Amino acid sequence: MKKEEIPQDNGALGRIAKEVTYVIDETGNYTIGKSTGWEVKTEALNVAWSEVEKKIEAARQKVLNGGASPILYFMEKKIMDISILSSYTGFWKWTVKRHLKPSVFKKLSDQKLQKYAEIFEISIDELKNPFGK
């Protein structure tokens, strides 16, 4: 794409930052150009974020219904999976899976809860009571 053809649609980050892209300048050489956004890319990002929001809400409902511990909610909110959370906490994957069970979660030590709280950037109290109960 030529430098003058760079899309300048109002993107999700257009007000905050510019996206860098490689373009061809007037002499035919590759150079860097900046874009405020591209409508197609913005729409794709909106669809992706919509899916993330649905997963967060599903996790929230599961926690409220007693089907999972609050770890699931915060894991979805931080866009993590069991493998990522396991690597950040140092717990085995099977251990994280166990901690997703409300009955196991209630018995976790403050030391283990603190590890999760630090990863999720919240307090232990927020971890135990994610919806202000």
N, C-alpha and C. Protein backbone atom coordinates (compact mmCIF):
# COMPACT_ATOMS: atom_id res chain seq x y z
N MET A 1 0.85 -1.16 0.00
CA MET A 1 0.00 0.00 0.00
C MET A 1 0.90 1.23 0.00
N LYS A 2 0.43 2.25 -0.65
CA LYS A 2 1.18 3.50 -0.72
C LYS A 2 0.88 4.34 0.53
N LYS A 3 1.83 5.20 0.84
CA LYS A 3 1.73 6.00 2.05
C LYS A 3 0.43 6.82 2.09
N GLU A 4 0.04 7.37 0.97
CA GLU A 4 -1.17 8.20 0.94
C GLU A 4 -2.46 7.37 1.01
N GLU A 5 -2.34 6.03 0.91
CA GLU A 5 -3.51 5.14 0.98
C GLU A 5 -3.74 4.55 2.38
N ILE A 6 -2.92 4.92 3.33
CA ILE A 6 -3.06 4.38 4.69
C ILE A 6 -4.44 4.76 5.23
N PRO A 7 -5.19 3.75 5.72
CA PRO A 7 -6.51 4.06 6.28
C PRO A 7 -6.40 4.98 7.49
N GLN A 8 -7.28 5.93 7.55
CA GLN A 8 -7.31 6.87 8.68
C GLN A 8 -8.71 6.90 9.29
N ASP A 9 -9.35 5.72 9.38
CA ASP A 9 -10.67 5.62 10.00
C ASP A 9 -10.49 5.77 11.51
N ASN A 10 -11.54 6.19 12.18
CA ASN A 10 -11.47 6.31 13.63
C ASN A 10 -11.48 4.91 14.23
N GLY A 11 -10.32 4.48 14.72
CA GLY A 11 -10.20 3.16 15.30
C GLY A 11 -10.33 3.18 16.80
N ALA A 12 -10.29 1.99 17.38
CA ALA A 12 -10.43 1.85 18.83
C ALA A 12 -9.34 2.59 19.59
N LEU A 13 -8.15 2.63 19.03
CA LEU A 13 -7.02 3.28 19.70
C LEU A 13 -6.64 4.60 19.05
N GLY A 14 -7.38 5.03 18.06
CA GLY A 14 -7.03 6.22 17.29
C GLY A 14 -6.82 7.48 18.10
N ARG A 15 -7.57 7.61 19.19
CA ARG A 15 -7.43 8.81 20.03
C ARG A 15 -6.23 8.71 20.97
N ILE A 16 -5.76 7.48 21.18
CA ILE A 16 -4.68 7.27 22.14
C ILE A 16 -3.33 7.08 21.45
N ALA A 17 -3.34 6.29 20.39
CA ALA A 17 -2.08 5.92 19.74
C ALA A 17 -2.30 5.76 18.24
N LYS A 18 -1.22 5.69 17.54
CA LYS A 18 -1.24 5.44 16.09
C LYS A 18 -0.69 4.05 15.84
N GLU A 19 -1.23 3.39 14.83
CA GLU A 19 -0.74 2.08 14.45
C GLU A 19 0.33 2.26 13.38
N VAL A 20 1.44 1.59 13.56
CA VAL A 20 2.53 1.67 12.60
C VAL A 20 2.36 0.57 11.56
N THR A 21 2.53 0.93 10.31
CA THR A 21 2.40 -0.03 9.22
C THR A 21 3.48 0.23 8.17
N TYR A 22 3.86 -0.80 7.46
CA TYR A 22 4.84 -0.63 6.38
C TYR A 22 4.12 -0.24 5.11
N VAL A 23 4.66 0.76 4.44
CA VAL A 23 4.07 1.27 3.19
C VAL A 23 5.18 1.57 2.20
N ILE A 24 4.75 1.82 0.98
CA ILE A 24 5.70 2.20 -0.07
C ILE A 24 5.63 3.71 -0.26
N ASP A 25 6.78 4.36 -0.19
CA ASP A 25 6.79 5.82 -0.36
C ASP A 25 6.81 6.18 -1.85
N GLU A 26 6.92 7.46 -2.13
CA GLU A 26 6.86 7.95 -3.52
C GLU A 26 8.03 7.49 -4.39
N THR A 27 9.12 7.05 -3.76
CA THR A 27 10.27 6.56 -4.54
C THR A 27 10.25 5.03 -4.69
N GLY A 28 9.21 4.37 -4.13
CA GLY A 28 9.09 2.92 -4.26
C GLY A 28 9.79 2.13 -3.16
N ASN A 29 10.31 2.82 -2.15
CA ASN A 29 10.97 2.15 -1.03
C ASN A 29 9.99 1.92 0.12
N TYR A 30 10.25 0.84 0.87
CA TYR A 30 9.43 0.59 2.05
C TYR A 30 9.79 1.57 3.14
N THR A 31 8.76 2.06 3.79
CA THR A 31 8.93 2.98 4.90
C THR A 31 7.81 2.74 5.91
N ILE A 32 7.82 3.50 6.96
CA ILE A 32 6.80 3.35 8.00
C ILE A 32 5.79 4.48 7.88
N GLY A 33 4.52 4.11 8.00
CA GLY A 33 3.45 5.09 8.01
C GLY A 33 2.60 4.87 9.25
N LYS A 34 1.85 5.89 9.63
CA LYS A 34 1.00 5.78 10.81
C LYS A 34 -0.47 5.90 10.42
N SER A 35 -1.29 5.10 11.10
CA SER A 35 -2.72 5.09 10.85
C SER A 35 -3.48 5.30 12.15
N THR A 36 -4.59 6.03 12.09
CA THR A 36 -5.44 6.20 13.28
C THR A 36 -6.41 5.02 13.41
N GLY A 37 -6.47 4.18 12.41
CA GLY A 37 -7.34 3.01 12.48
C GLY A 37 -7.85 2.61 11.12
N TRP A 38 -8.48 1.45 11.10
CA TRP A 38 -9.04 0.92 9.87
C TRP A 38 -10.36 0.28 10.24
N GLU A 39 -11.42 0.69 9.59
CA GLU A 39 -12.76 0.25 9.94
C GLU A 39 -12.88 -1.27 10.02
N VAL A 40 -12.31 -1.99 9.09
CA VAL A 40 -12.39 -3.45 9.07
C VAL A 40 -11.73 -4.04 10.31
N LYS A 41 -10.57 -3.54 10.64
CA LYS A 41 -9.84 -4.03 11.81
C LYS A 41 -10.59 -3.68 13.10
N THR A 42 -11.15 -2.49 13.16
CA THR A 42 -11.91 -2.07 14.33
C THR A 42 -13.11 -2.97 14.54
N GLU A 43 -13.80 -3.31 13.48
CA GLU A 43 -14.96 -4.20 13.58
C GLU A 43 -14.54 -5.59 14.06
N ALA A 44 -13.43 -6.09 13.55
CA ALA A 44 -12.93 -7.40 13.98
C ALA A 44 -12.57 -7.38 15.47
N LEU A 45 -11.95 -6.30 15.92
CA LEU A 45 -11.62 -6.16 17.34
C LEU A 45 -12.87 -6.08 18.20
N ASN A 46 -13.89 -5.38 17.70
CA ASN A 46 -15.14 -5.28 18.44
C ASN A 46 -15.80 -6.65 18.61
N VAL A 47 -15.75 -7.47 17.57
CA VAL A 47 -16.31 -8.82 17.64
C VAL A 47 -15.53 -9.65 18.65
N ALA A 48 -14.21 -9.55 18.61
CA ALA A 48 -13.37 -10.30 19.55
C ALA A 48 -13.64 -9.87 20.99
N TRP A 49 -13.73 -8.56 21.24
CA TRP A 49 -14.01 -8.08 22.60
C TRP A 49 -15.40 -8.49 23.05
N SER A 50 -16.33 -8.55 22.15
CA SER A 50 -17.68 -9.00 22.49
C SER A 50 -17.64 -10.43 23.00
N GLU A 51 -16.84 -11.27 22.36
CA GLU A 51 -16.70 -12.66 22.80
C GLU A 51 -16.04 -12.74 24.18
N VAL A 52 -15.04 -11.91 24.40
CA VAL A 52 -14.37 -11.87 25.71
C VAL A 52 -15.38 -11.46 26.79
N GLU A 53 -16.19 -10.44 26.50
CA GLU A 53 -17.19 -9.98 27.46
C GLU A 53 -18.22 -11.07 27.76
N LYS A 54 -18.60 -11.85 26.75
CA LYS A 54 -19.55 -12.96 26.96
C LYS A 54 -18.94 -14.02 27.87
N LYS A 55 -17.67 -14.32 27.69
CA LYS A 55 -17.00 -15.31 28.53
C LYS A 55 -16.89 -14.82 29.97
N ILE A 56 -16.63 -13.54 30.14
CA ILE A 56 -16.55 -12.96 31.49
C ILE A 56 -17.92 -13.06 32.18
N GLU A 57 -18.96 -12.71 31.45
CA GLU A 57 -20.31 -12.77 32.03
C GLU A 57 -20.72 -14.20 32.34
N ALA A 58 -20.38 -15.15 31.48
CA ALA A 58 -20.68 -16.57 31.74
C ALA A 58 -19.96 -17.04 33.00
N ALA A 59 -18.71 -16.63 33.16
CA ALA A 59 -17.93 -16.99 34.35
C ALA A 59 -18.56 -16.36 35.59
N ARG A 60 -18.97 -15.13 35.47
CA ARG A 60 -19.62 -14.42 36.59
C ARG A 60 -20.86 -15.17 37.05
N GLN A 61 -21.69 -15.56 36.08
CA GLN A 61 -22.91 -16.29 36.41
C GLN A 61 -22.59 -17.65 37.05
N LYS A 62 -21.57 -18.31 36.54
CA LYS A 62 -21.18 -19.61 37.09
C LYS A 62 -20.73 -19.47 38.54
N VAL A 63 -19.99 -18.41 38.83
CA VAL A 63 -19.54 -18.16 40.20
C VAL A 63 -20.75 -17.83 41.09
N LEU A 64 -21.63 -16.97 40.62
CA LEU A 64 -22.81 -16.60 41.39
C LEU A 64 -23.71 -17.81 41.68
N ASN A 65 -23.77 -18.75 40.73
CA ASN A 65 -24.60 -19.95 40.89
C ASN A 65 -23.92 -21.06 41.66
N GLY A 66 -22.68 -20.81 42.11
CA GLY A 66 -21.96 -21.81 42.91
C GLY A 66 -21.31 -22.91 42.10
N GLY A 67 -21.19 -22.70 40.78
CA GLY A 67 -20.59 -23.71 39.92
C GLY A 67 -19.08 -23.58 39.76
N ALA A 68 -18.52 -22.49 40.23
CA ALA A 68 -17.07 -22.27 40.10
C ALA A 68 -16.63 -21.28 41.17
N SER A 69 -15.34 -21.30 41.46
CA SER A 69 -14.79 -20.34 42.41
C SER A 69 -14.55 -19.01 41.70
N PRO A 70 -14.35 -17.94 42.45
CA PRO A 70 -14.07 -16.63 41.85
C PRO A 70 -12.81 -16.61 40.98
N ILE A 71 -11.95 -17.59 41.14
CA ILE A 71 -10.74 -17.65 40.31
C ILE A 71 -11.13 -17.68 38.83
N LEU A 72 -12.19 -18.42 38.49
CA LEU A 72 -12.63 -18.50 37.10
C LEU A 72 -13.00 -17.12 36.57
N TYR A 73 -13.74 -16.35 37.34
CA TYR A 73 -14.15 -15.02 36.92
C TYR A 73 -12.95 -14.12 36.63
N PHE A 74 -12.01 -14.08 37.57
CA PHE A 74 -10.85 -13.21 37.38
C PHE A 74 -9.92 -13.73 36.29
N MET A 75 -9.86 -15.03 36.12
CA MET A 75 -9.07 -15.63 35.05
C MET A 75 -9.62 -15.16 33.68
N GLU A 76 -10.94 -15.20 33.54
CA GLU A 76 -11.56 -14.73 32.29
C GLU A 76 -11.39 -13.22 32.12
N LYS A 77 -11.52 -12.50 33.21
CA LYS A 77 -11.40 -11.03 33.16
C LYS A 77 -10.00 -10.61 32.72
N LYS A 78 -8.99 -11.38 33.10
CA LYS A 78 -7.61 -11.08 32.72
C LYS A 78 -7.20 -11.80 31.44
N ILE A 79 -8.17 -12.43 30.78
CA ILE A 79 -7.96 -13.13 29.52
C ILE A 79 -6.84 -14.17 29.66
N MET A 80 -7.01 -15.02 30.66
CA MET A 80 -6.05 -16.09 30.92
C MET A 80 -6.74 -17.44 30.74
N ASP A 81 -5.95 -18.47 30.59
CA ASP A 81 -6.47 -19.83 30.65
C ASP A 81 -5.72 -20.55 31.77
N ILE A 82 -6.05 -21.82 31.98
CA ILE A 82 -5.45 -22.56 33.09
C ILE A 82 -3.93 -22.65 32.93
N SER A 83 -3.45 -22.85 31.71
CA SER A 83 -2.00 -22.95 31.49
C SER A 83 -1.28 -21.67 31.86
N ILE A 84 -1.83 -20.55 31.46
CA ILE A 84 -1.20 -19.25 31.76
C ILE A 84 -1.22 -18.99 33.26
N LEU A 85 -2.39 -19.22 33.88
CA LEU A 85 -2.50 -18.98 35.31
C LEU A 85 -1.57 -19.91 36.09
N SER A 86 -1.45 -21.13 35.63
CA SER A 86 -0.55 -22.09 36.26
C SER A 86 0.89 -21.60 36.20
N SER A 87 1.30 -21.11 35.04
CA SER A 87 2.69 -20.64 34.91
C SER A 87 2.95 -19.40 35.75
N TYR A 88 1.96 -18.51 35.88
CA TYR A 88 2.14 -17.30 36.68
C TYR A 88 2.18 -17.60 38.18
N THR A 89 1.34 -18.54 38.63
CA THR A 89 1.26 -18.83 40.06
C THR A 89 2.30 -19.84 40.53
N GLY A 90 2.75 -20.70 39.60
CA GLY A 90 3.66 -21.77 39.98
C GLY A 90 2.92 -23.02 40.44
N PHE A 91 1.58 -22.97 40.42
CA PHE A 91 0.78 -24.15 40.76
C PHE A 91 0.69 -25.05 39.53
N TRP A 92 0.60 -26.37 39.76
CA TRP A 92 0.37 -27.29 38.65
C TRP A 92 -0.99 -26.99 38.03
N LYS A 93 -1.16 -27.34 36.75
CA LYS A 93 -2.44 -27.11 36.08
C LYS A 93 -3.57 -27.83 36.81
N TRP A 94 -3.32 -29.08 37.23
CA TRP A 94 -4.38 -29.82 37.92
C TRP A 94 -4.74 -29.16 39.24
N THR A 95 -3.78 -28.48 39.85
CA THR A 95 -4.04 -27.77 41.11
C THR A 95 -4.92 -26.56 40.85
N VAL A 96 -4.63 -25.82 39.79
CA VAL A 96 -5.47 -24.66 39.43
C VAL A 96 -6.89 -25.15 39.14
N LYS A 97 -7.02 -26.25 38.41
CA LYS A 97 -8.35 -26.81 38.11
C LYS A 97 -9.11 -27.13 39.40
N ARG A 98 -8.41 -27.68 40.39
CA ARG A 98 -9.03 -27.98 41.69
C ARG A 98 -9.47 -26.70 42.38
N HIS A 99 -8.65 -25.67 42.27
CA HIS A 99 -8.95 -24.39 42.94
C HIS A 99 -10.17 -23.71 42.31
N LEU A 100 -10.56 -24.14 41.12
CA LEU A 100 -11.76 -23.60 40.48
C LEU A 100 -13.04 -24.15 41.10
N LYS A 101 -12.92 -25.19 41.91
CA LYS A 101 -14.08 -25.76 42.59
C LYS A 101 -14.34 -24.94 43.86
N PRO A 102 -15.59 -24.48 44.05
CA PRO A 102 -15.89 -23.64 45.23
C PRO A 102 -15.53 -24.30 46.55
N SER A 103 -15.76 -25.60 46.68
CA SER A 103 -15.47 -26.28 47.95
C SER A 103 -13.97 -26.30 48.25
N VAL A 104 -13.15 -26.42 47.23
CA VAL A 104 -11.69 -26.41 47.42
C VAL A 104 -11.22 -24.97 47.66
N PHE A 105 -11.77 -24.03 46.90
CA PHE A 105 -11.39 -22.62 47.02
C PHE A 105 -11.59 -22.12 48.46
N LYS A 106 -12.70 -22.51 49.09
CA LYS A 106 -13.01 -22.04 50.45
C LYS A 106 -11.96 -22.47 51.47
N LYS A 107 -11.22 -23.53 51.16
CA LYS A 107 -10.23 -24.07 52.09
C LYS A 107 -8.80 -23.59 51.80
N LEU A 108 -8.63 -22.77 50.77
CA LEU A 108 -7.28 -22.32 50.41
C LEU A 108 -6.70 -21.41 51.50
N SER A 109 -5.41 -21.56 51.70
CA SER A 109 -4.71 -20.72 52.67
C SER A 109 -4.58 -19.30 52.13
N ASP A 110 -4.37 -18.36 53.04
CA ASP A 110 -4.16 -16.97 52.63
C ASP A 110 -2.93 -16.85 51.73
N GLN A 111 -1.94 -17.69 51.96
CA GLN A 111 -0.73 -17.66 51.14
C GLN A 111 -1.06 -17.99 49.68
N LYS A 112 -1.87 -19.01 49.46
CA LYS A 112 -2.26 -19.37 48.09
C LYS A 112 -3.19 -18.31 47.50
N LEU A 113 -4.11 -17.83 48.30
CA LEU A 113 -5.01 -16.78 47.82
C LEU A 113 -4.23 -15.53 47.45
N GLN A 114 -3.18 -15.22 48.22
CA GLN A 114 -2.36 -14.05 47.93
C GLN A 114 -1.69 -14.16 46.57
N LYS A 115 -1.24 -15.38 46.22
CA LYS A 115 -0.62 -15.58 44.90
C LYS A 115 -1.61 -15.22 43.80
N TYR A 116 -2.84 -15.74 43.93
CA TYR A 116 -3.86 -15.42 42.93
C TYR A 116 -4.18 -13.93 42.92
N ALA A 117 -4.33 -13.35 44.10
CA ALA A 117 -4.66 -11.92 44.21
C ALA A 117 -3.60 -11.06 43.53
N GLU A 118 -2.34 -11.39 43.72
CA GLU A 118 -1.26 -10.61 43.09
C GLU A 118 -1.33 -10.72 41.57
N ILE A 119 -1.57 -11.91 41.07
CA ILE A 119 -1.66 -12.11 39.62
C ILE A 119 -2.83 -11.31 39.04
N PHE A 120 -3.96 -11.33 39.75
CA PHE A 120 -5.16 -10.62 39.28
C PHE A 120 -5.17 -9.15 39.64
N GLU A 121 -4.16 -8.69 40.39
CA GLU A 121 -4.02 -7.30 40.81
C GLU A 121 -5.21 -6.83 41.64
N ILE A 122 -5.58 -7.67 42.62
CA ILE A 122 -6.68 -7.37 43.53
C ILE A 122 -6.26 -7.79 44.94
N SER A 123 -7.11 -7.51 45.92
CA SER A 123 -6.84 -7.94 47.29
C SER A 123 -7.44 -9.34 47.50
N ILE A 124 -7.03 -9.97 48.59
CA ILE A 124 -7.60 -11.28 48.94
C ILE A 124 -9.10 -11.13 49.19
N ASP A 125 -9.50 -10.04 49.83
CA ASP A 125 -10.93 -9.81 50.08
C ASP A 125 -11.71 -9.71 48.77
N GLU A 126 -11.17 -9.00 47.78
CA GLU A 126 -11.83 -8.90 46.48
C GLU A 126 -11.90 -10.27 45.79
N LEU A 127 -10.88 -11.07 45.99
CA LEU A 127 -10.87 -12.42 45.42
C LEU A 127 -11.96 -13.28 46.06
N LYS A 128 -12.07 -13.18 47.36
CA LYS A 128 -13.09 -13.96 48.07
C LYS A 128 -14.50 -13.46 47.82
N ASN A 129 -14.64 -12.16 47.63
CA ASN A 129 -15.96 -11.51 47.43
C ASN A 129 -15.94 -10.65 46.18
N PRO A 130 -15.90 -11.27 45.00
CA PRO A 130 -15.72 -10.50 43.77
C PRO A 130 -16.87 -9.57 43.40
N PHE A 131 -18.04 -9.84 43.93
CA PHE A 131 -19.20 -9.03 43.54
C PHE A 131 -19.76 -8.26 44.73
N GLY A 132 -18.91 -8.05 45.74
CA GLY A 132 -19.28 -7.24 46.88
C GLY A 132 -20.29 -7.87 47.81
N LYS A 133 -20.25 -9.18 47.94
CA LYS A 133 -21.21 -9.86 48.83
C LYS A 133 -20.89 -9.57 50.27
